[in-house]
PDB file of N, CA and C in Angstrom:
ATOM      1  N   MET A   1     -49.946  74.226  35.888  1.00  0.00           N
ATOM      2  CA  MET A   1     -50.813  74.515  37.108  1.00  0.00           C
ATOM      3  C   MET A   1     -50.097  74.588  38.670  1.00  0.00           C
ATOM      4  N   THR A   2     -50.331  75.461  39.292  1.00  0.00           N
ATOM      5  CA  THR A   2     -49.957  75.829  40.658  1.00  0.00           C
ATOM      6  C   THR A   2     -50.665  75.097  41.778  1.00  0.00           C
ATOM      7  N   SER A   3     -49.980  74.943  42.857  1.00  0.00           N
ATOM      8  CA  SER A   3     -51.244  74.151  43.561  1.00  0.00           C
ATOM      9  C   SER A   3     -49.936  73.737  45.122  1.00  0.00           C
ATOM     10  N   ALA A   4     -51.261  73.874  46.273  1.00  0.00           N
ATOM     11  CA  ALA A   4     -50.522  73.666  47.165  1.00  0.00           C
ATOM     12  C   ALA A   4     -50.434  71.733  47.481  1.00  0.00           C
ATOM     13  N   TRP A   5     -50.884  71.238  46.632  1.00  0.00           N
ATOM     14  CA  TRP A   5     -50.760  69.686  46.595  1.00  0.00           C
ATOM     15  C   TRP A   5     -49.542  69.535  45.801  1.00  0.00           C
ATOM     16  N   ASP A   6     -48.611  70.429  45.264  1.00  0.00           N
ATOM     17  CA  ASP A   6     -47.399  69.996  44.937  1.00  0.00           C
ATOM     18  C   ASP A   6     -46.173  69.153  45.782  1.00  0.00           C
ATOM     19  N   ASN A   7     -46.354  69.629  46.688  1.00  0.00           N
ATOM     20  CA  ASN A   7     -45.620  69.288  47.795  1.00  0.00           C
ATOM     21  C   ASN A   7     -46.091  69.638  49.081  1.00  0.00           C
ATOM     22  N   PRO A   8     -46.627  68.805  49.603  1.00  0.00           N
ATOM     23  CA  PRO A   8     -47.571  68.938  50.696  1.00  0.00           C
ATOM     24  C   PRO A   8     -47.179  69.064  52.039  1.00  0.00           C
ATOM     25  N   GLU A   9     -45.579  68.504  52.140  1.00  0.00           N
ATOM     26  CA  GLU A   9     -45.564  68.647  53.252  1.00  0.00           C
ATOM     27  C   GLU A   9     -44.516  69.765  53.640  1.00  0.00           C
ATOM     28  N   ASN A  10     -44.119  70.583  52.064  1.00  0.00           N
ATOM     29  CA  ASN A  10     -43.555  71.937  52.386  1.00  0.00           C
ATOM     30  C   ASN A  10     -44.207  73.166  53.520  1.00  0.00           C
ATOM     31  N   MET A  11     -42.909  73.263  54.512  1.00  0.00           N
ATOM     32  CA  MET A  11     -43.185  74.087  55.507  1.00  0.00           C
ATOM     33  C   MET A  11     -43.991  75.894  55.387  1.00  0.00           C
ATOM     34  N   MET A  12     -43.919  75.936  53.925  1.00  0.00           N
ATOM     35  CA  MET A  12     -44.326  77.218  53.616  1.00  0.00           C
ATOM     36  C   MET A  12     -45.546  77.307  52.813  1.00  0.00           C
ATOM     37  N   THR A  13     -45.341  76.059  51.406  1.00  0.00           N
ATOM     38  CA  THR A  13     -46.443  76.164  50.207  1.00  0.00           C
ATOM     39  C   THR A  13     -47.493  75.096  50.439  1.00  0.00           C
ATOM     40  N   GLY A  14     -47.202  73.921  51.589  1.00  0.00           N
ATOM     41  CA  GLY A  14     -47.999  72.600  51.319  1.00  0.00           C
ATOM     42  C   GLY A  14     -49.481  72.971  52.036  1.00  0.00           C
ATOM     43  N   ILE A  15     -50.159  71.703  51.574  1.00  0.00           N
ATOM     44  CA  ILE A  15     -51.301  71.452  51.998  1.00  0.00           C
ATOM     45  C   ILE A  15     -51.544  71.250  53.371  1.00  0.00           C
ATOM     46  N   LYS A  16     -50.614  70.598  53.863  1.00  0.00           N
ATOM     47  CA  LYS A  16     -50.683  69.972  55.258  1.00  0.00           C
ATOM     48  C   LYS A  16     -50.082  71.090  56.106  1.00  0.00           C
ATOM     49  N   ASN A  17     -50.176  72.509  55.436  1.00  0.00           N
ATOM     50  CA  ASN A  17     -50.132  73.740  56.722  1.00  0.00           C
ATOM     51  C   ASN A  17     -51.251  73.665  57.594  1.00  0.00           C
ATOM     52  N   VAL A  18     -52.373  73.634  56.440  1.00  0.00           N
ATOM     53  CA  VAL A  18     -53.955  73.738  57.004  1.00  0.00           C
ATOM     54  C   VAL A  18     -54.554  72.459  57.471  1.00  0.00           C
ATOM     55  N   GLY A  19     -55.563  72.337  58.051  1.00  0.00           N
ATOM     56  CA  GLY A  19     -56.607  71.120  58.586  1.00  0.00           C
ATOM     57  C   GLY A  19     -57.384  70.878  57.433  1.00  0.00           C
ATOM     58  N   GLU A  20     -57.689  69.696  57.158  1.00  0.00           N
ATOM     59  CA  GLU A  20     -58.278  69.019  55.941  1.00  0.00           C
ATOM     60  C   GLU A  20     -59.839  69.616  55.685  1.00  0.00           C
ATOM     61  N   GLY A  21     -60.321  70.492  56.921  1.00  0.00           N
ATOM     62  CA  GLY A  21     -61.587  71.092  56.878  1.00  0.00           C
ATOM     63  C   GLY A  21     -61.655  72.052  55.591  1.00  0.00           C
ATOM     64  N   TRP A  22     -60.355  72.621  55.505  1.00  0.00           N
ATOM     65  CA  TRP A  22     -60.319  73.750  54.605  1.00  0.00           C
ATOM     66  C   TRP A  22     -59.594  73.309  53.137  1.00  0.00           C
ATOM     67  N   HIS A  23     -59.285  72.049  52.779  1.00  0.00           N
ATOM     68  CA  HIS A  23     -58.799  71.512  51.935  1.00  0.00           C
ATOM     69  C   HIS A  23     -59.674  71.567  50.306  1.00  0.00           C
ATOM     70  N   GLU A  24     -61.189  71.481  50.972  1.00  0.00           N
ATOM     71  CA  GLU A  24     -62.055  71.456  49.716  1.00  0.00           C
ATOM     72  C   GLU A  24     -61.858  73.213  49.197  1.00  0.00           C
ATOM     73  N   LEU A  25     -62.059  74.145  50.440  1.00  0.00           N
ATOM     74  CA  LEU A  25     -61.967  75.588  49.490  1.00  0.00           C
ATOM     75  C   LEU A  25     -60.908  75.984  48.994  1.00  0.00           C
ATOM     76  N   ILE A  26     -59.663  75.133  49.326  1.00  0.00           N
ATOM     77  CA  ILE A  26     -58.223  75.567  48.843  1.00  0.00           C
ATOM     78  C   ILE A  26     -58.223  75.225  47.446  1.00  0.00           C
ATOM     79  N   ARG A  27     -58.900  74.236  47.022  1.00  0.00           N
ATOM     80  CA  ARG A  27     -58.766  73.131  45.912  1.00  0.00           C
ATOM     81  C   ARG A  27     -59.955  74.159  44.864  1.00  0.00           C
ATOM     82  N   GLU A  28     -60.990  74.464  45.213  1.00  0.00           N
ATOM     83  CA  GLU A  28     -61.968  75.443  44.772  1.00  0.00           C
ATOM     84  C   GLU A  28     -60.876  77.075  44.186  1.00  0.00           C
ATOM     85  N   LEU A  29     -60.306  77.445  45.300  1.00  0.00           N
ATOM     86  CA  LEU A  29     -59.618  78.683  45.135  1.00  0.00           C
ATOM     87  C   LEU A  29     -58.523  78.620  44.054  1.00  0.00           C
ATOM     88  N   GLU A  30     -57.914  77.498  43.898  1.00  0.00           N
ATOM     89  CA  GLU A  30     -56.596  77.131  42.874  1.00  0.00           C
ATOM     90  C   GLU A  30     -57.294  77.025  41.630  1.00  0.00           C
ATOM     91  N   LYS A  31     -58.573  76.239  41.649  1.00  0.00           N
ATOM     92  CA  LYS A  31     -58.712  76.025  40.322  1.00  0.00           C
ATOM     93  C   LYS A  31     -59.297  77.493  39.907  1.00  0.00           C
ATOM     94  N   GLY A  32     -59.699  78.570  40.519  1.00  0.00           N
ATOM     95  CA  GLY A  32     -60.095  79.641  39.975  1.00  0.00           C
ATOM     96  C   GLY A  32     -58.984  80.585  39.607  1.00  0.00           C
ATOM     97  N   LEU A  33     -58.132  80.713  40.405  1.00  0.00           N
ATOM     98  CA  LEU A  33     -56.525  81.164  40.141  1.00  0.00           C
ATOM     99  C   LEU A  33     -55.959  80.772  39.316  1.00  0.00           C
ATOM    100  N   ASN A  34     -55.475  79.386  38.811  1.00  0.00           N
ATOM    101  CA  ASN A  34     -54.952  78.884  37.977  1.00  0.00           C
ATOM    102  C   ASN A  34     -56.026  78.779  36.295  1.00  0.00           C
ATOM    103  N   THR A  35     -57.302  79.267  36.657  1.00  0.00           N
ATOM    104  CA  THR A  35     -57.971  79.603  35.364  1.00  0.00           C
ATOM    105  C   THR A  35     -57.596  80.930  34.981  1.00  0.00           C
ATOM    106  N   LEU A  36     -57.139  81.669  35.690  1.00  0.00           N
ATOM    107  CA  LEU A  36     -56.899  83.069  35.395  1.00  0.00           C
ATOM    108  C   LEU A  36     -55.284  83.344  34.950  1.00  0.00           C
ATOM    109  N   ASP A  37     -54.667  82.048  35.612  1.00  0.00           N
ATOM    110  CA  ASP A  37     -53.292  82.255  35.307  1.00  0.00           C
ATOM    111  C   ASP A  37     -52.213  80.906  36.007  1.00  0.00           C
ATOM    112  N   SER A  38     -52.414  80.219  34.935  1.00  0.00           N
ATOM    113  CA  SER A  38     -51.800  78.441  35.307  1.00  0.00           C
ATOM    114  C   SER A  38     -49.946  78.621  36.102  1.00  0.00           C
ATOM    115  N   THR A  39     -49.558  79.179  35.879  1.00  0.00           N
ATOM    116  CA  THR A  39     -48.779  80.212  36.339  1.00  0.00           C
ATOM    117  C   THR A  39     -48.173  80.960  37.786  1.00  0.00           C
ATOM    118  N   PHE A  40     -49.034  81.319  38.207  1.00  0.00           N
ATOM    119  CA  PHE A  40     -48.788  82.013  39.611  1.00  0.00           C
ATOM    120  C   PHE A  40     -47.896  81.442  40.139  1.00  0.00           C
ATOM    121  N   GLU A  41     -47.454  82.443  41.307  1.00  0.00           N
ATOM    122  CA  GLU A  41     -46.233  81.991  42.146  1.00  0.00           C
ATOM    123  C   GLU A  41     -47.175  81.821  43.520  1.00  0.00           C
ATOM    124  N   LEU A  42     -47.092  80.651  44.298  1.00  0.00           N
ATOM    125  CA  LEU A  42     -47.748  80.488  45.314  1.00  0.00           C
ATOM    126  C   LEU A  42     -46.855  80.444  46.568  1.00  0.00           C
ATOM    127  N   ILE A  43     -47.073  81.410  47.530  1.00  0.00           N
ATOM    128  CA  ILE A  43     -45.689  81.948  48.226  1.00  0.00           C
ATOM    129  C   ILE A  43     -46.043  81.202  49.799  1.00  0.00           C
ATOM    130  N   GLN A  44     -47.134  81.097  50.263  1.00  0.00           N
ATOM    131  CA  GLN A  44     -47.624  80.800  51.147  1.00  0.00           C
ATOM    132  C   GLN A  44     -48.967  80.085  51.793  1.00  0.00           C
ATOM    133  N   VAL A  45     -49.020  79.351  52.463  1.00  0.00           N
ATOM    134  CA  VAL A  45     -50.899  78.739  52.608  1.00  0.00           C
ATOM    135  C   VAL A  45     -50.146  78.237  53.895  1.00  0.00           C
ATOM    136  N   LYS A  46     -51.239  79.375  54.993  1.00  0.00           N
ATOM    137  CA  LYS A  46     -51.220  78.801  56.755  1.00  0.00           C
ATOM    138  C   LYS A  46     -52.611  79.147  57.510  1.00  0.00           C
ATOM    139  N   GLU A  47     -52.360  79.038  58.385  1.00  0.00           N
ATOM    140  CA  GLU A  47     -53.539  79.138  58.965  1.00  0.00           C
ATOM    141  C   GLU A  47     -53.249  80.499  60.398  1.00  0.00           C
ATOM    142  N   LYS A  48     -54.009  81.710  60.620  1.00  0.00           N
ATOM    143  CA  LYS A  48     -53.492  82.714  61.107  1.00  0.00           C
ATOM    144  C   LYS A  48     -54.444  83.449  61.906  1.00  0.00           C
ATOM    145  N   PHE A  49     -54.909  83.138  62.829  1.00  0.00           N
ATOM    146  CA  PHE A  49     -55.981  83.742  63.890  1.00  0.00           C
ATOM    147  C   PHE A  49     -57.205  82.821  63.304  1.00  0.00           C
ATOM    148  N   GLY A  50     -56.907  81.722  63.493  1.00  0.00           N
ATOM    149  CA  GLY A  50     -58.402  81.372  62.962  1.00  0.00           C
ATOM    150  C   GLY A  50     -59.030  81.303  61.427  1.00  0.00           C
ATOM    151  N   GLY A  51     -58.030  81.794  60.231  1.00  0.00           N
ATOM    152  CA  GLY A  51     -58.578  82.055  59.435  1.00  0.00           C
ATOM    153  C   GLY A  51     -57.644  81.584  58.532  1.00  0.00           C
ATOM    154  N   LEU A  52     -57.720  81.284  57.416  1.00  0.00           N
ATOM    155  CA  LEU A  52     -56.959  80.990  55.948  1.00  0.00           C
ATOM    156  C   LEU A  52     -55.985  81.885  55.529  1.00  0.00           C
ATOM    157  N   ARG A  53     -54.874  81.966  55.223  1.00  0.00           N
ATOM    158  CA  ARG A  53     -53.698  82.827  54.700  1.00  0.00           C
ATOM    159  C   ARG A  53     -53.420  82.172  53.590  1.00  0.00           C
ATOM    160  N   TYR A  54     -53.373  82.625  52.385  1.00  0.00           N
ATOM    161  CA  TYR A  54     -53.242  82.124  51.134  1.00  0.00           C
ATOM    162  C   TYR A  54     -52.382  83.512  50.445  1.00  0.00           C
ATOM    163  N   TYR A  55     -51.022  82.975  50.417  1.00  0.00           N
ATOM    164  CA  TYR A  55     -50.519  84.075  49.967  1.00  0.00           C
ATOM    165  C   TYR A  55     -49.787  84.080  48.384  1.00  0.00           C
ATOM    166  N   ALA A  56     -49.979  84.249  47.283  1.00  0.00           N
ATOM    167  CA  ALA A  56     -49.701  84.146  46.028  1.00  0.00           C
ATOM    168  C   ALA A  56     -49.888  85.174  45.074  1.00  0.00           C
ATOM    169  N   GLY A  57     -49.097  85.403  43.945  1.00  0.00           N
ATOM    170  CA  GLY A  57     -49.038  86.286  43.197  1.00  0.00           C
ATOM    171  C   GLY A  57     -49.069  85.896  41.381  1.00  0.00           C
ATOM    172  N   PRO A  58     -49.898  86.646  40.905  1.00  0.00           N
ATOM    173  CA  PRO A  58     -49.972  86.162  39.332  1.00  0.00           C
ATOM    174  C   PRO A  58     -48.818  86.963  38.564  1.00  0.00           C
ATOM    175  N   ARG A  59     -48.462  85.675  37.405  1.00  0.00           N
ATOM    176  CA  ARG A  59     -47.327  86.159  36.823  1.00  0.00           C
ATOM    177  C   ARG A  59     -48.418  86.806  35.352  1.00  0.00           C
ATOM    178  N   THR A  60     -49.370  86.872  34.940  1.00  0.00           N
ATOM    179  CA  THR A  60     -50.349  87.255  33.733  1.00  0.00           C
ATOM    180  C   THR A  60     -51.477  87.449  33.831  1.00  0.00           C
ATOM    181  N   ALA A  61     -52.067  87.483  35.344  1.00  0.00           N
ATOM    182  CA  ALA A  61     -53.127  87.568  35.132  1.00  0.00           C
ATOM    183  C   ALA A  61     -53.365  89.132  35.836  1.00  0.00           C
ATOM    184  N   ASP A  62     -54.959  89.655  35.771  1.00  0.00           N
ATOM    185  CA  ASP A  62     -55.201  90.799  36.317  1.00  0.00           C
ATOM    186  C   ASP A  62     -55.224  90.765  37.972  1.00  0.00           C
ATOM    187  N   SER A  63     -54.317  91.572  38.726  1.00  0.00           N
ATOM    188  CA  SER A  63     -53.757  91.472  39.976  1.00  0.00           C
ATOM    189  C   SER A  63     -55.282  91.533  40.938  1.00  0.00           C
ATOM    190  N   GLN A  64     -55.988  92.370  40.201  1.00  0.00           N
ATOM    191  CA  GLN A  64     -57.099  92.879  41.325  1.00  0.00           C
ATOM    192  C   GLN A  64     -57.796  91.392  41.234  1.00  0.00           C
ATOM    193  N   GLN A  65     -58.503  90.842  40.148  1.00  0.00           N
ATOM    194  CA  GLN A  65     -59.274  90.097  39.923  1.00  0.00           C
ATOM    195  C   GLN A  65     -58.540  88.499  40.630  1.00  0.00           C
ATOM    196  N   PHE A  66     -57.421  88.327  41.066  1.00  0.00           N
ATOM    197  CA  PHE A  66     -56.663  87.630  41.263  1.00  0.00           C
ATOM    198  C   PHE A  66     -56.474  87.519  42.778  1.00  0.00           C
ATOM    199  N   HIS A  67     -56.425  88.767  43.215  1.00  0.00           N
ATOM    200  CA  HIS A  67     -56.578  88.751  44.898  1.00  0.00           C
ATOM    201  C   HIS A  67     -57.703  88.582  45.176  1.00  0.00           C
ATOM    202  N   GLN A  68     -59.403  89.032  44.615  1.00  0.00           N
ATOM    203  CA  GLN A  68     -60.206  89.212  44.902  1.00  0.00           C
ATOM    204  C   GLN A  68     -60.736  87.816  45.133  1.00  0.00           C
ATOM    205  N   LEU A  69     -60.313  86.771  44.425  1.00  0.00           N
ATOM    206  CA  LEU A  69     -60.612  85.169  44.859  1.00  0.00           C
ATOM    207  C   LEU A  69     -59.868  84.995  46.175  1.00  0.00           C
ATOM    208  N   ILE A  70     -58.869  85.103  46.118  1.00  0.00           N
ATOM    209  CA  ILE A  70     -57.958  84.914  47.502  1.00  0.00           C
ATOM    210  C   ILE A  70     -58.554  85.567  48.807  1.00  0.00           C
ATOM    211  N   SER A  71     -59.206  86.872  48.590  1.00  0.00           N
ATOM    212  CA  SER A  71     -59.962  87.180  49.817  1.00  0.00           C
ATOM    213  C   SER A  71     -61.320  86.765  50.236  1.00  0.00           C
ATOM    214  N   LEU A  72     -61.754  86.384  48.945  1.00  0.00           N
ATOM    215  CA  LEU A  72     -63.047  85.644  49.039  1.00  0.00           C
ATOM    216  C   LEU A  72     -63.058  84.443  49.884  1.00  0.00           C
ATOM    217  N   ALA A  73     -62.185  83.538  49.411  1.00  0.00           N
ATOM    218  CA  ALA A  73     -61.599  82.633  49.914  1.00  0.00           C
ATOM    219  C   ALA A  73     -61.220  82.654  51.698  1.00  0.00           C
ATOM    220  N   GLU A  74     -60.541  83.924  51.952  1.00  0.00           N
ATOM    221  CA  GLU A  74     -60.058  84.209  53.061  1.00  0.00           C
ATOM    222  C   GLU A  74     -60.994  84.495  54.123  1.00  0.00           C
ATOM    223  N   GLU A  75     -62.046  84.928  53.687  1.00  0.00           N
ATOM    224  CA  GLU A  75     -62.994  85.404  54.181  1.00  0.00           C
ATOM    225  C   GLU A  75     -63.978  83.934  54.251  1.00  0.00           C
ATOM    226  N   ALA A  76     -64.455  83.276  53.170  1.00  0.00           N
ATOM    227  CA  ALA A  76     -65.066  82.309  53.831  1.00  0.00           C
ATOM    228  C   ALA A  76     -64.545  81.459  54.736  1.00  0.00           C
ATOM    229  N   SER A  77     -63.251  81.503  54.872  1.00  0.00           N
ATOM    230  CA  SER A  77     -62.322  80.084  55.938  1.00  0.00           C
ATOM    231  C   SER A  77     -63.050  80.613  57.325  1.00  0.00           C
ATOM    232  N   PHE A  78     -63.421  81.679  57.836  1.00  0.00           N
ATOM    233  CA  PHE A  78     -63.842  81.954  58.980  1.00  0.00           C
ATOM    234  C   PHE A  78     -65.557  81.304  59.402  1.00  0.00           C
ATOM    235  N   LYS A  79     -66.078  80.730  58.513  1.00  0.00           N
ATOM    236  CA  LYS A  79     -67.203  80.009  58.603  1.00  0.00           C
ATOM    237  C   LYS A  79     -67.058  78.363  58.532  1.00  0.00           C
ATOM    238  N   ILE A  80     -66.028  77.917  58.423  1.00  0.00           N
ATOM    239  CA  ILE A  80     -65.799  76.597  57.855  1.00  0.00           C
ATOM    240  C   ILE A  80     -64.843  76.166  58.886  1.00  0.00           C
ATOM    241  N   CYS A  81     -65.448  74.834  59.588  1.00  0.00           N
ATOM    242  CA  CYS A  81     -64.214  74.340  60.569  1.00  0.00           C
ATOM    243  C   CYS A  81     -63.197  73.826  59.841  1.00  0.00           C
ATOM    244  N   GLU A  82     -62.049  74.231  60.187  1.00  0.00           N
ATOM    245  CA  GLU A  82     -60.917  73.691  59.752  1.00  0.00           C
ATOM    246  C   GLU A  82     -60.287  72.377  60.001  1.00  0.00           C
ATOM    247  N   GLU A  83     -60.936  71.284  60.957  1.00  0.00           N
ATOM    248  CA  GLU A  83     -60.879  70.078  61.079  1.00  0.00           C
ATOM    249  C   GLU A  83     -61.670  69.304  59.963  1.00  0.00           C
ATOM    250  N   CYS A  84     -63.173  69.468  60.061  1.00  0.00           N
ATOM    251  CA  CYS A  84     -64.200  68.475  58.850  1.00  0.00           C
ATOM    252  C   CYS A  84     -64.702  69.566  58.101  1.00  0.00           C
ATOM    253  N   GLY A  85     -64.454  70.854  57.810  1.00  0.00           N
ATOM    254  CA  GLY A  85     -65.210  71.257  56.824  1.00  0.00           C
ATOM    255  C   GLY A  85     -66.670  71.787  56.780  1.00  0.00           C
ATOM    256  N   GLU A  86     -67.501  71.138  57.890  1.00  0.00           N
ATOM    257  CA  GLU A  86     -68.938  71.742  58.610  1.00  0.00           C
ATOM    258  C   GLU A  86     -68.703  73.177  58.523  1.00  0.00           C
ATOM    259  N   SER A  87     -69.836  73.638  58.957  1.00  0.00           N
ATOM    260  CA  SER A  87     -69.961  75.077  59.330  1.00  0.00           C
ATOM    261  C   SER A  87     -69.253  75.322  60.804  1.00  0.00           C
ATOM    262  N   GLY A  88     -68.333  76.429  60.576  1.00  0.00           N
ATOM    263  CA  GLY A  88     -67.976  76.675  62.191  1.00  0.00           C
ATOM    264  C   GLY A  88     -67.709  77.959  62.305  1.00  0.00           C
ATOM    265  N   GLU A  89     -67.157  78.342  63.307  1.00  0.00           N
ATOM    266  CA  GLU A  89     -66.861  80.055  63.648  1.00  0.00           C
ATOM    267  C   GLU A  89     -65.884  79.730  64.424  1.00  0.00           C
ATOM    268  N   ASN A  90     -65.534  81.393  64.376  1.00  0.00           N
ATOM    269  CA  ASN A  90     -64.030  81.758  64.542  1.00  0.00           C
ATOM    270  C   ASN A  90     -64.133  82.040  66.557  1.00  0.00           C
ATOM    271  N   ARG A  91     -63.343  80.766  67.256  1.00  0.00           N
ATOM    272  CA  ARG A  91     -63.396  80.885  68.619  1.00  0.00           C
ATOM    273  C   ARG A  91     -61.897  80.780  69.133  1.00  0.00           C
ATOM    274  N   SER A  92     -62.057  81.544  70.080  1.00  0.00           N
ATOM    275  CA  SER A  92     -60.555  81.641  71.170  1.00  0.00           C
ATOM    276  C   SER A  92     -60.758  80.002  72.312  1.00  0.00           C
ATOM    277  N   ILE A  93     -59.682  79.608  72.272  1.00  0.00           N
ATOM    278  CA  ILE A  93     -58.920  78.468  73.454  1.00  0.00           C
ATOM    279  C   ILE A  93     -57.857  79.063  73.760  1.00  0.00           C
ATOM    280  N   GLN A  94     -58.428  79.752  75.295  1.00  0.00           N
ATOM    281  CA  GLN A  94     -57.075  79.930  75.844  1.00  0.00           C
ATOM    282  C   GLN A  94     -55.732  80.758  75.310  1.00  0.00           C
ATOM    283  N   GLY A  95     -56.630  81.338  74.358  1.00  0.00           N
ATOM    284  CA  GLY A  95     -55.660  83.139  73.380  1.00  0.00           C
ATOM    285  C   GLY A  95     -55.329  82.341  71.861  1.00  0.00           C
ATOM    286  N   TRP A  96     -55.551  81.361  71.694  1.00  0.00           N
ATOM    287  CA  TRP A  96     -55.411  80.802  70.508  1.00  0.00           C
ATOM    288  C   TRP A  96     -56.473  80.797  69.426  1.00  0.00           C
ATOM    289  N   TYR A  97     -56.729  81.630  68.471  1.00  0.00           N
ATOM    290  CA  TYR A  97     -57.974  81.388  67.683  1.00  0.00           C
ATOM    291  C   TYR A  97     -57.897  80.314  66.627  1.00  0.00           C
ATOM    292  N   LYS A  98     -59.139  79.554  66.683  1.00  0.00           N
ATOM    293  CA  LYS A  98     -59.316  78.537  65.299  1.00  0.00           C
ATOM    294  C   LYS A  98     -60.700  78.472  65.046  1.00  0.00           C
ATOM    295  N   THR A  99     -61.153  78.739  63.918  1.00  0.00           N
ATOM    296  CA  THR A  99     -62.265  78.288  63.351  1.00  0.00           C
ATOM    297  C   THR A  99     -62.819  76.608  63.054  1.00  0.00           C
ATOM    298  N   LEU A 100     -63.745  76.570  64.226  1.00  0.00           N
ATOM    299  CA  LEU A 100     -64.231  75.125  64.485  1.00  0.00           C
ATOM    300  C   LEU A 100     -65.795  75.168  64.494  1.00  0.00           C
ATOM    301  N   CYS A 101     -65.932  73.938  64.376  1.00  0.00           N
ATOM    302  CA  CYS A 101     -67.585  73.593  64.562  1.00  0.00           C
ATOM    303  C   CYS A 101     -67.907  73.130  65.974  1.00  0.00           C
ATOM    304  N   ASP A 102     -68.983  73.185  66.413  1.00  0.00           N
ATOM    305  CA  ASP A 102     -69.067  73.081  67.768  1.00  0.00           C
ATOM    306  C   ASP A 102     -68.642  71.704  68.554  1.00  0.00           C
ATOM    307  N   GLN A 103     -68.075  70.485  68.140  1.00  0.00           N
ATOM    308  CA  GLN A 103     -67.498  69.427  68.088  1.00  0.00           C
ATOM    309  C   GLN A 103     -66.224  69.587  68.247  1.00  0.00           C
ATOM    310  N   HIS A 104     -65.509  69.831  67.224  1.00  0.00           N
ATOM    311  CA  HIS A 104     -64.266  70.052  67.316  1.00  0.00           C
ATOM    312  C   HIS A 104     -63.666  71.209  68.237  1.00  0.00           C
ATOM    313  N   TYR A 105     -64.449  72.247  68.556  1.00  0.00           N
ATOM    314  CA  TYR A 105     -64.206  73.325  69.413  1.00  0.00           C
ATOM    315  C   TYR A 105     -64.478  72.565  71.007  1.00  0.00           C
ATOM    316  N   ASN A 106     -65.358  71.921  71.301  1.00  0.00           N
ATOM    317  CA  ASN A 106     -65.859  71.025  72.400  1.00  0.00           C
ATOM    318  C   ASN A 106     -64.298  69.742  72.772  1.00  0.00           C
ATOM    319  N   ASP A 107     -63.954  69.399  71.684  1.00  0.00           N
ATOM    320  CA  ASP A 107     -62.959  68.716  71.506  1.00  0.00           C
ATOM    321  C   ASP A 107     -61.743  69.263  71.944  1.00  0.00           C
ATOM    322  N   ALA A 108     -61.293  70.477  71.270  1.00  0.00           N
ATOM    323  CA  ALA A 108     -59.944  71.205  71.966  1.00  0.00           C
ATOM    324  C   ALA A 108     -60.173  71.751  72.898  1.00  0.00           C
ATOM    325  N   LEU A 109     -61.348  72.179  74.171  1.00  0.00           N
ATOM    326  CA  LEU A 109     -61.278  72.730  75.225  1.00  0.00           C
ATOM    327  C   LEU A 109     -60.992  71.226  75.780  1.00  0.00           C
ATOM    328  N   GLU A 110     -61.594  69.973  75.846  1.00  0.00           N
ATOM    329  CA  GLU A 110     -61.369  68.810  76.227  1.00  0.00           C
ATOM    330  C   GLU A 110     -59.473  68.602  76.193  1.00  0.00           C
ATOM    331  N   ARG A 111     -58.982  68.783  75.492  1.00  0.00           N
ATOM    332  CA  ARG A 111     -57.649  68.334  75.096  1.00  0.00           C
ATOM    333  C   ARG A 111     -56.754  69.697  76.051  1.00  0.00           C
ATOM    334  N   ARG A 112     -57.175  70.871  75.956  1.00  0.00           N
ATOM    335  CA  ARG A 112     -56.607  71.893  76.809  1.00  0.00           C
ATOM    336  C   ARG A 112     -56.615  71.724  78.356  1.00  0.00           C
ATOM    337  N   LYS A 113     -58.152  71.178  78.821  1.00  0.00           N
ATOM    338  CA  LYS A 113     -58.022  70.912  79.976  1.00  0.00           C
ATOM    339  C   LYS A 113     -57.280  69.819  80.604  1.00  0.00           C
ATOM    340  N   GLN A 114     -57.051  68.853  79.784  1.00  0.00           N
ATOM    341  CA  GLN A 114     -55.884  67.665  80.095  1.00  0.00           C
ATOM    342  C   GLN A 114     -54.521  67.784  79.957  1.00  0.00           C
ATOM    343  N   ALA A 115     -54.281  68.934  79.002  1.00  0.00           N
ATOM    344  CA  ALA A 115     -52.799  69.182  79.020  1.00  0.00           C
ATOM    345  C   ALA A 115     -51.956  69.874  80.276  1.00  0.00           C
TER     346      ALA A 115
END
């Protein structure tokens, strides 16, 4: 089985590259991907412009179905707070985009004001 939890600290493929709010989304994604191809290659896991980016390639599975699962998870990430997993929305904080719930958005704004 392939997973972002295999080496959580890895700067390219580790689960710690994204907030805990997306961990369940990634667990479900990897469950589906591993069902299709348990030997798939995980290339990178990260946040970009407020959304999940999950780069991976199948070794034995149908490529279209494999990448469709990834696309659905990436799309869903724009509605899930990266910090806590509650409903969120993509917001700009002084030019940085993050998908956050109201509470974590307000917390981030406050931290920016104090910096």
